Amino acid sequence: MKVALVSCTKLKANYPCSAREMYQQSTLFKKATKFIEQNHYDDWFILSAKYGLLKTEDEIEPYELTLNNMKASERKVWSNFVLKQIENLPINITQIDFYAGTKYRENLISALEQKGIMCNVPLQGKAIGEQLQYYILNTR
């Protein structure tokens, strides 16, 4: 299966809701998820600094946490937690495309590739504005 991982955002709903709804206030998140849903992925998940790997329908509480403020050792612990969550999914993932910043994928890609999962970062090197433009140009 080919899946996409998109990172959580600073802008969040201020009430408990589904993971998908939690991040809808972010234009980048909305455009990324619309793009993902139109581009032949078997499934997609959200990478949350607090909760790890989230299904879109998972109910969560609002929070203030980002990997950008964590020490490298804390991000490594987070990555190991996410790897275990991915391993426990009842699907056979063969490819993961990351729509997430460096700190959300830095420890995941090599570990996933060691497990035989092909990893891609389609928007690597693009600034936020360039990412938004990419989504606008490539979404119906």
N, C-alpha and C. Protein backbone atom coordinates (compact mmCIF):
# COMPACT_ATOMS: atom_id res chain seq x y z
N MET A 1 0.83 -1.20 0.00
CA MET A 1 0.00 0.00 0.00
C MET A 1 0.87 1.25 0.00
N LYS A 2 0.38 2.25 -0.69
CA LYS A 2 1.04 3.55 -0.74
C LYS A 2 0.28 4.50 0.18
N VAL A 3 0.97 5.05 1.19
CA VAL A 3 0.32 5.97 2.12
C VAL A 3 1.07 7.29 2.18
N ALA A 4 0.37 8.31 2.66
CA ALA A 4 0.95 9.63 2.86
C ALA A 4 0.91 9.97 4.34
N LEU A 5 1.93 10.67 4.79
CA LEU A 5 1.97 11.18 6.16
C LEU A 5 2.08 12.70 6.08
N VAL A 6 1.19 13.39 6.76
CA VAL A 6 1.19 14.85 6.80
C VAL A 6 1.36 15.28 8.26
N SER A 7 2.12 16.33 8.48
CA SER A 7 2.38 16.73 9.86
C SER A 7 1.24 17.57 10.42
N CYS A 8 1.17 17.56 11.75
CA CYS A 8 0.22 18.40 12.46
C CYS A 8 0.61 19.86 12.25
N THR A 9 -0.20 20.77 12.76
CA THR A 9 0.07 22.19 12.56
C THR A 9 -0.07 22.96 13.87
N LYS A 10 0.49 24.14 13.88
CA LYS A 10 0.38 24.99 15.06
C LYS A 10 -1.07 25.45 15.26
N LEU A 11 -1.75 25.79 14.16
CA LEU A 11 -3.15 26.20 14.25
C LEU A 11 -4.01 24.96 14.47
N LYS A 12 -4.81 25.01 15.53
CA LYS A 12 -5.65 23.87 15.89
C LYS A 12 -7.02 24.36 16.35
N ALA A 13 -7.99 23.46 16.26
CA ALA A 13 -9.29 23.73 16.87
C ALA A 13 -9.09 23.83 18.38
N ASN A 14 -9.98 24.52 19.07
CA ASN A 14 -9.82 24.67 20.52
C ASN A 14 -10.83 23.80 21.29
N TYR A 15 -11.22 22.69 20.68
CA TYR A 15 -12.17 21.76 21.29
C TYR A 15 -11.81 20.34 20.85
N PRO A 16 -12.21 19.34 21.61
CA PRO A 16 -11.95 17.95 21.22
C PRO A 16 -12.69 17.63 19.91
N CYS A 17 -11.99 16.96 18.99
CA CYS A 17 -12.60 16.62 17.70
C CYS A 17 -11.74 15.58 17.00
N SER A 18 -12.12 15.21 15.79
CA SER A 18 -11.32 14.26 15.02
C SER A 18 -9.98 14.90 14.65
N ALA A 19 -8.99 14.08 14.45
CA ALA A 19 -7.67 14.59 14.08
C ALA A 19 -7.76 15.43 12.81
N ARG A 20 -8.52 14.97 11.85
CA ARG A 20 -8.67 15.71 10.61
C ARG A 20 -9.23 17.11 10.86
N GLU A 21 -10.25 17.21 11.69
CA GLU A 21 -10.86 18.50 11.99
C GLU A 21 -9.93 19.38 12.82
N MET A 22 -9.13 18.78 13.69
CA MET A 22 -8.26 19.53 14.59
C MET A 22 -7.36 20.52 13.84
N TYR A 23 -6.87 20.13 12.67
CA TYR A 23 -5.87 20.94 11.96
C TYR A 23 -6.43 21.71 10.78
N GLN A 24 -7.75 21.71 10.58
CA GLN A 24 -8.37 22.34 9.42
C GLN A 24 -8.20 23.86 9.38
N GLN A 25 -7.82 24.48 10.48
CA GLN A 25 -7.62 25.92 10.46
C GLN A 25 -6.36 26.31 9.69
N SER A 26 -5.50 25.37 9.43
CA SER A 26 -4.27 25.62 8.70
C SER A 26 -4.50 25.48 7.19
N THR A 27 -4.21 26.54 6.45
CA THR A 27 -4.35 26.50 4.99
C THR A 27 -3.44 25.44 4.39
N LEU A 28 -2.21 25.34 4.88
CA LEU A 28 -1.28 24.34 4.36
C LEU A 28 -1.82 22.93 4.58
N PHE A 29 -2.35 22.65 5.76
CA PHE A 29 -2.91 21.33 6.04
C PHE A 29 -4.09 21.03 5.12
N LYS A 30 -4.99 22.00 4.95
CA LYS A 30 -6.15 21.79 4.08
C LYS A 30 -5.73 21.50 2.65
N LYS A 31 -4.77 22.27 2.16
CA LYS A 31 -4.32 22.07 0.77
C LYS A 31 -3.57 20.75 0.63
N ALA A 32 -2.76 20.40 1.62
CA ALA A 32 -2.01 19.14 1.58
C ALA A 32 -2.97 17.95 1.57
N THR A 33 -3.98 17.98 2.44
CA THR A 33 -4.88 16.83 2.51
C THR A 33 -5.75 16.73 1.27
N LYS A 34 -6.14 17.85 0.70
CA LYS A 34 -6.91 17.81 -0.55
C LYS A 34 -6.05 17.19 -1.66
N PHE A 35 -4.79 17.62 -1.74
CA PHE A 35 -3.87 17.06 -2.72
C PHE A 35 -3.70 15.55 -2.52
N ILE A 36 -3.46 15.15 -1.28
CA ILE A 36 -3.26 13.73 -0.96
C ILE A 36 -4.49 12.91 -1.37
N GLU A 37 -5.67 13.42 -1.07
CA GLU A 37 -6.89 12.68 -1.37
C GLU A 37 -7.16 12.56 -2.87
N GLN A 38 -6.54 13.42 -3.66
CA GLN A 38 -6.73 13.37 -5.11
C GLN A 38 -5.61 12.62 -5.83
N ASN A 39 -4.64 12.10 -5.09
CA ASN A 39 -3.47 11.55 -5.76
C ASN A 39 -3.18 10.09 -5.46
N HIS A 40 -4.17 9.27 -5.51
CA HIS A 40 -4.00 7.81 -5.54
C HIS A 40 -3.26 7.21 -4.37
N TYR A 41 -3.46 7.73 -3.19
CA TYR A 41 -2.93 7.09 -1.99
C TYR A 41 -3.97 6.11 -1.47
N ASP A 42 -3.51 4.99 -0.95
CA ASP A 42 -4.42 4.02 -0.37
C ASP A 42 -4.97 4.51 0.96
N ASP A 43 -4.16 5.30 1.67
CA ASP A 43 -4.58 5.86 2.96
C ASP A 43 -3.62 6.98 3.32
N TRP A 44 -3.99 7.77 4.32
CA TRP A 44 -3.08 8.79 4.83
C TRP A 44 -3.31 8.97 6.32
N PHE A 45 -2.24 9.45 6.97
CA PHE A 45 -2.24 9.60 8.42
C PHE A 45 -1.60 10.94 8.77
N ILE A 46 -1.81 11.36 10.00
CA ILE A 46 -1.27 12.61 10.50
C ILE A 46 -0.17 12.30 11.52
N LEU A 47 0.94 13.01 11.40
CA LEU A 47 2.02 12.90 12.39
C LEU A 47 1.82 14.02 13.41
N SER A 48 1.52 13.64 14.63
CA SER A 48 1.26 14.60 15.71
C SER A 48 2.40 14.57 16.72
N ALA A 49 2.86 15.75 17.10
CA ALA A 49 3.93 15.83 18.10
C ALA A 49 3.49 15.21 19.43
N LYS A 50 2.21 15.30 19.74
CA LYS A 50 1.72 14.75 21.01
C LYS A 50 1.28 13.30 20.89
N TYR A 51 0.54 12.97 19.86
CA TYR A 51 -0.09 11.66 19.76
C TYR A 51 0.63 10.67 18.86
N GLY A 52 1.64 11.11 18.13
CA GLY A 52 2.33 10.22 17.20
C GLY A 52 1.54 10.08 15.91
N LEU A 53 1.30 8.85 15.49
CA LEU A 53 0.58 8.57 14.25
C LEU A 53 -0.93 8.57 14.53
N LEU A 54 -1.65 9.41 13.78
CA LEU A 54 -3.09 9.51 13.97
C LEU A 54 -3.84 9.11 12.70
N LYS A 55 -4.91 8.37 12.87
CA LYS A 55 -5.87 8.17 11.79
C LYS A 55 -6.71 9.43 11.75
N THR A 56 -7.23 9.76 10.60
CA THR A 56 -7.98 11.01 10.46
C THR A 56 -9.19 11.07 11.37
N GLU A 57 -9.77 9.91 11.68
CA GLU A 57 -10.99 9.89 12.50
C GLU A 57 -10.71 9.77 13.99
N ASP A 58 -9.46 9.64 14.40
CA ASP A 58 -9.13 9.56 15.82
C ASP A 58 -9.58 10.83 16.54
N GLU A 59 -10.26 10.66 17.66
CA GLU A 59 -10.69 11.80 18.46
C GLU A 59 -9.55 12.23 19.38
N ILE A 60 -9.22 13.52 19.33
CA ILE A 60 -8.11 14.03 20.15
C ILE A 60 -8.50 15.34 20.81
N GLU A 61 -7.71 15.70 21.81
CA GLU A 61 -7.87 16.96 22.55
C GLU A 61 -6.88 17.98 21.98
N PRO A 62 -7.20 19.27 22.04
CA PRO A 62 -6.25 20.29 21.63
C PRO A 62 -4.98 20.23 22.49
N TYR A 63 -3.87 20.65 21.94
CA TYR A 63 -2.59 20.62 22.67
C TYR A 63 -1.64 21.65 22.10
N GLU A 64 -0.62 21.95 22.85
CA GLU A 64 0.45 22.85 22.41
C GLU A 64 1.77 22.11 22.54
N LEU A 65 2.21 21.51 21.46
CA LEU A 65 3.47 20.77 21.46
C LEU A 65 3.95 20.68 20.02
N THR A 66 5.24 20.84 19.82
CA THR A 66 5.82 20.72 18.49
C THR A 66 7.18 20.04 18.59
N LEU A 67 7.52 19.30 17.55
CA LEU A 67 8.85 18.68 17.53
C LEU A 67 9.93 19.74 17.37
N ASN A 68 9.56 20.90 16.85
CA ASN A 68 10.55 21.96 16.62
C ASN A 68 11.19 22.45 17.92
N ASN A 69 10.52 22.27 19.06
CA ASN A 69 11.08 22.70 20.34
C ASN A 69 11.68 21.55 21.15
N MET A 70 11.66 20.35 20.60
CA MET A 70 12.19 19.19 21.32
C MET A 70 13.68 19.00 21.04
N LYS A 71 14.36 18.43 22.02
CA LYS A 71 15.76 18.04 21.86
C LYS A 71 15.83 16.86 20.90
N ALA A 72 16.98 16.66 20.30
CA ALA A 72 17.17 15.55 19.36
C ALA A 72 16.82 14.21 20.01
N SER A 73 17.19 14.04 21.28
CA SER A 73 16.90 12.78 21.97
C SER A 73 15.39 12.57 22.15
N GLU A 74 14.66 13.66 22.39
CA GLU A 74 13.19 13.57 22.53
C GLU A 74 12.54 13.24 21.19
N ARG A 75 13.08 13.81 20.12
CA ARG A 75 12.53 13.50 18.79
C ARG A 75 12.81 12.04 18.42
N LYS A 76 13.93 11.50 18.87
CA LYS A 76 14.25 10.10 18.61
C LYS A 76 13.25 9.19 19.33
N VAL A 77 12.92 9.51 20.58
CA VAL A 77 11.91 8.75 21.32
C VAL A 77 10.56 8.82 20.60
N TRP A 78 10.19 10.02 20.15
CA TRP A 78 8.94 10.20 19.41
C TRP A 78 8.94 9.34 18.14
N SER A 79 10.04 9.37 17.41
CA SER A 79 10.14 8.59 16.16
C SER A 79 10.00 7.09 16.43
N ASN A 80 10.62 6.60 17.48
CA ASN A 80 10.49 5.18 17.82
C ASN A 80 9.04 4.83 18.15
N PHE A 81 8.34 5.73 18.83
CA PHE A 81 6.93 5.53 19.13
C PHE A 81 6.12 5.45 17.84
N VAL A 82 6.37 6.37 16.91
CA VAL A 82 5.65 6.38 15.63
C VAL A 82 5.97 5.12 14.83
N LEU A 83 7.22 4.68 14.84
CA LEU A 83 7.58 3.44 14.12
C LEU A 83 6.79 2.26 14.64
N LYS A 84 6.65 2.16 15.95
CA LYS A 84 5.85 1.08 16.53
C LYS A 84 4.38 1.19 16.10
N GLN A 85 3.87 2.41 16.06
CA GLN A 85 2.49 2.60 15.61
C GLN A 85 2.32 2.17 14.15
N ILE A 86 3.29 2.51 13.31
CA ILE A 86 3.23 2.10 11.90
C ILE A 86 3.30 0.58 11.78
N GLU A 87 4.20 -0.03 12.53
CA GLU A 87 4.33 -1.49 12.51
C GLU A 87 3.04 -2.18 12.94
N ASN A 88 2.28 -1.56 13.83
CA ASN A 88 1.05 -2.16 14.34
C ASN A 88 -0.17 -1.92 13.46
N LEU A 89 -0.01 -1.16 12.39
CA LEU A 89 -1.13 -0.96 11.48
C LEU A 89 -1.46 -2.28 10.79
N PRO A 90 -2.73 -2.58 10.58
CA PRO A 90 -3.12 -3.84 9.96
C PRO A 90 -3.06 -3.78 8.43
N ILE A 91 -2.06 -3.09 7.89
CA ILE A 91 -1.90 -2.97 6.45
C ILE A 91 -0.45 -3.21 6.07
N ASN A 92 -0.22 -3.57 4.82
CA ASN A 92 1.13 -3.81 4.33
C ASN A 92 1.59 -2.58 3.54
N ILE A 93 2.33 -1.72 4.20
CA ILE A 93 2.79 -0.49 3.57
C ILE A 93 4.06 -0.77 2.76
N THR A 94 4.05 -0.36 1.49
CA THR A 94 5.23 -0.51 0.63
C THR A 94 5.88 0.83 0.31
N GLN A 95 5.09 1.92 0.43
CA GLN A 95 5.62 3.25 0.14
C GLN A 95 4.96 4.28 1.04
N ILE A 96 5.80 5.21 1.53
CA ILE A 96 5.30 6.34 2.32
C ILE A 96 5.83 7.62 1.71
N ASP A 97 4.92 8.54 1.43
CA ASP A 97 5.30 9.88 1.00
C ASP A 97 5.07 10.83 2.17
N PHE A 98 6.09 11.60 2.50
CA PHE A 98 6.04 12.51 3.64
C PHE A 98 5.70 13.93 3.18
N TYR A 99 4.64 14.47 3.74
CA TYR A 99 4.28 15.87 3.58
C TYR A 99 4.42 16.48 4.97
N ALA A 100 5.66 16.53 5.42
CA ALA A 100 5.99 16.92 6.78
C ALA A 100 7.40 17.49 6.81
N GLY A 101 7.65 18.35 7.76
CA GLY A 101 8.95 18.98 7.90
C GLY A 101 10.05 18.01 8.32
N THR A 102 11.26 18.49 8.22
CA THR A 102 12.45 17.67 8.49
C THR A 102 12.40 17.00 9.85
N LYS A 103 12.03 17.71 10.88
CA LYS A 103 12.06 17.14 12.23
C LYS A 103 11.02 16.05 12.42
N TYR A 104 9.99 16.04 11.59
CA TYR A 104 8.97 15.00 11.68
C TYR A 104 9.38 13.74 10.93
N ARG A 105 10.38 13.84 10.07
CA ARG A 105 10.77 12.67 9.28
C ARG A 105 12.22 12.26 9.45
N GLU A 106 13.01 13.07 10.14
CA GLU A 106 14.46 12.87 10.20
C GLU A 106 14.87 11.48 10.70
N ASN A 107 14.19 10.95 11.69
CA ASN A 107 14.55 9.64 12.23
C ASN A 107 13.69 8.52 11.66
N LEU A 108 12.65 8.88 10.95
CA LEU A 108 11.72 7.86 10.45
C LEU A 108 12.16 7.24 9.13
N ILE A 109 12.65 8.05 8.21
CA ILE A 109 12.91 7.56 6.86
C ILE A 109 13.91 6.41 6.84
N SER A 110 15.05 6.57 7.47
CA SER A 110 16.06 5.49 7.43
C SER A 110 15.53 4.22 8.09
N ALA A 111 14.82 4.36 9.20
CA ALA A 111 14.27 3.18 9.88
C ALA A 111 13.22 2.48 9.02
N LEU A 112 12.38 3.25 8.34
CA LEU A 112 11.37 2.66 7.46
C LEU A 112 12.01 1.99 6.25
N GLU A 113 13.02 2.64 5.69
CA GLU A 113 13.70 2.06 4.53
C GLU A 113 14.41 0.75 4.90
N GLN A 114 14.92 0.67 6.12
CA GLN A 114 15.53 -0.58 6.59
C GLN A 114 14.51 -1.70 6.66
N LYS A 115 13.24 -1.35 6.79
CA LYS A 115 12.16 -2.34 6.83
C LYS A 115 11.61 -2.63 5.43
N GLY A 116 12.25 -2.05 4.42
CA GLY A 116 11.85 -2.30 3.04
C GLY A 116 10.74 -1.40 2.53
N ILE A 117 10.46 -0.32 3.25
CA ILE A 117 9.42 0.62 2.82
C ILE A 117 10.10 1.77 2.07
N MET A 118 9.66 2.00 0.83
CA MET A 118 10.20 3.10 0.05
C MET A 118 9.65 4.42 0.59
N CYS A 119 10.52 5.40 0.81
CA CYS A 119 10.10 6.69 1.36
C CYS A 119 10.43 7.82 0.38
N ASN A 120 9.51 8.75 0.23
CA ASN A 120 9.69 9.91 -0.63
C ASN A 120 9.30 11.17 0.12
N VAL A 121 9.92 12.28 -0.27
CA VAL A 121 9.56 13.59 0.27
C VAL A 121 9.31 14.48 -0.96
N PRO A 122 8.08 14.42 -1.51
CA PRO A 122 7.79 15.11 -2.77
C PRO A 122 8.09 16.61 -2.77
N LEU A 123 7.96 17.27 -1.62
CA LEU A 123 8.15 18.72 -1.58
C LEU A 123 9.44 19.13 -0.87
N GLN A 124 10.39 18.21 -0.81
CA GLN A 124 11.65 18.49 -0.11
C GLN A 124 12.31 19.74 -0.66
N GLY A 125 12.76 20.60 0.24
CA GLY A 125 13.47 21.80 -0.15
C GLY A 125 12.57 22.99 -0.49
N LYS A 126 11.27 22.79 -0.51
CA LYS A 126 10.36 23.88 -0.83
C LYS A 126 9.93 24.61 0.45
N ALA A 127 9.96 25.93 0.39
CA ALA A 127 9.48 26.76 1.50
C ALA A 127 7.95 26.66 1.56
N ILE A 128 7.35 27.14 2.64
CA ILE A 128 5.90 27.04 2.83
C ILE A 128 5.15 27.65 1.65
N GLY A 129 5.55 28.82 1.20
CA GLY A 129 4.88 29.46 0.07
C GLY A 129 4.97 28.62 -1.20
N GLU A 130 6.12 28.01 -1.43
CA GLU A 130 6.29 27.13 -2.59
C GLU A 130 5.44 25.87 -2.46
N GLN A 131 5.30 25.36 -1.25
CA GLN A 131 4.44 24.20 -1.03
C GLN A 131 2.98 24.56 -1.34
N LEU A 132 2.53 25.69 -0.84
CA LEU A 132 1.16 26.13 -1.10
C LEU A 132 0.93 26.27 -2.60
N GLN A 133 1.88 26.87 -3.29
CA GLN A 133 1.76 27.04 -4.74
C GLN A 133 1.71 25.69 -5.45
N TYR A 134 2.51 24.75 -5.01
CA TYR A 134 2.51 23.40 -5.59
C TYR A 134 1.13 22.76 -5.43
N TYR A 135 0.56 22.84 -4.23
CA TYR A 135 -0.75 22.26 -3.98
C TYR A 135 -1.83 22.93 -4.84
N ILE A 136 -1.75 24.26 -4.97
CA ILE A 136 -2.73 24.99 -5.77
C ILE A 136 -2.66 24.55 -7.23
N LEU A 137 -1.44 24.43 -7.75
CA LEU A 137 -1.26 24.08 -9.17
C LEU A 137 -1.58 22.61 -9.46
N ASN A 138 -1.52 21.77 -8.44
CA ASN A 138 -1.68 20.33 -8.68
C ASN A 138 -2.93 19.73 -8.05
N THR A 139 -3.89 20.58 -7.71
CA THR A 139 -5.15 20.11 -7.12
C THR A 139 -6.30 20.62 -7.98
N ARG A 140 -7.24 19.73 -8.22
CA ARG A 140 -8.41 20.13 -9.02
C ARG A 140 -9.40 20.87 -8.16
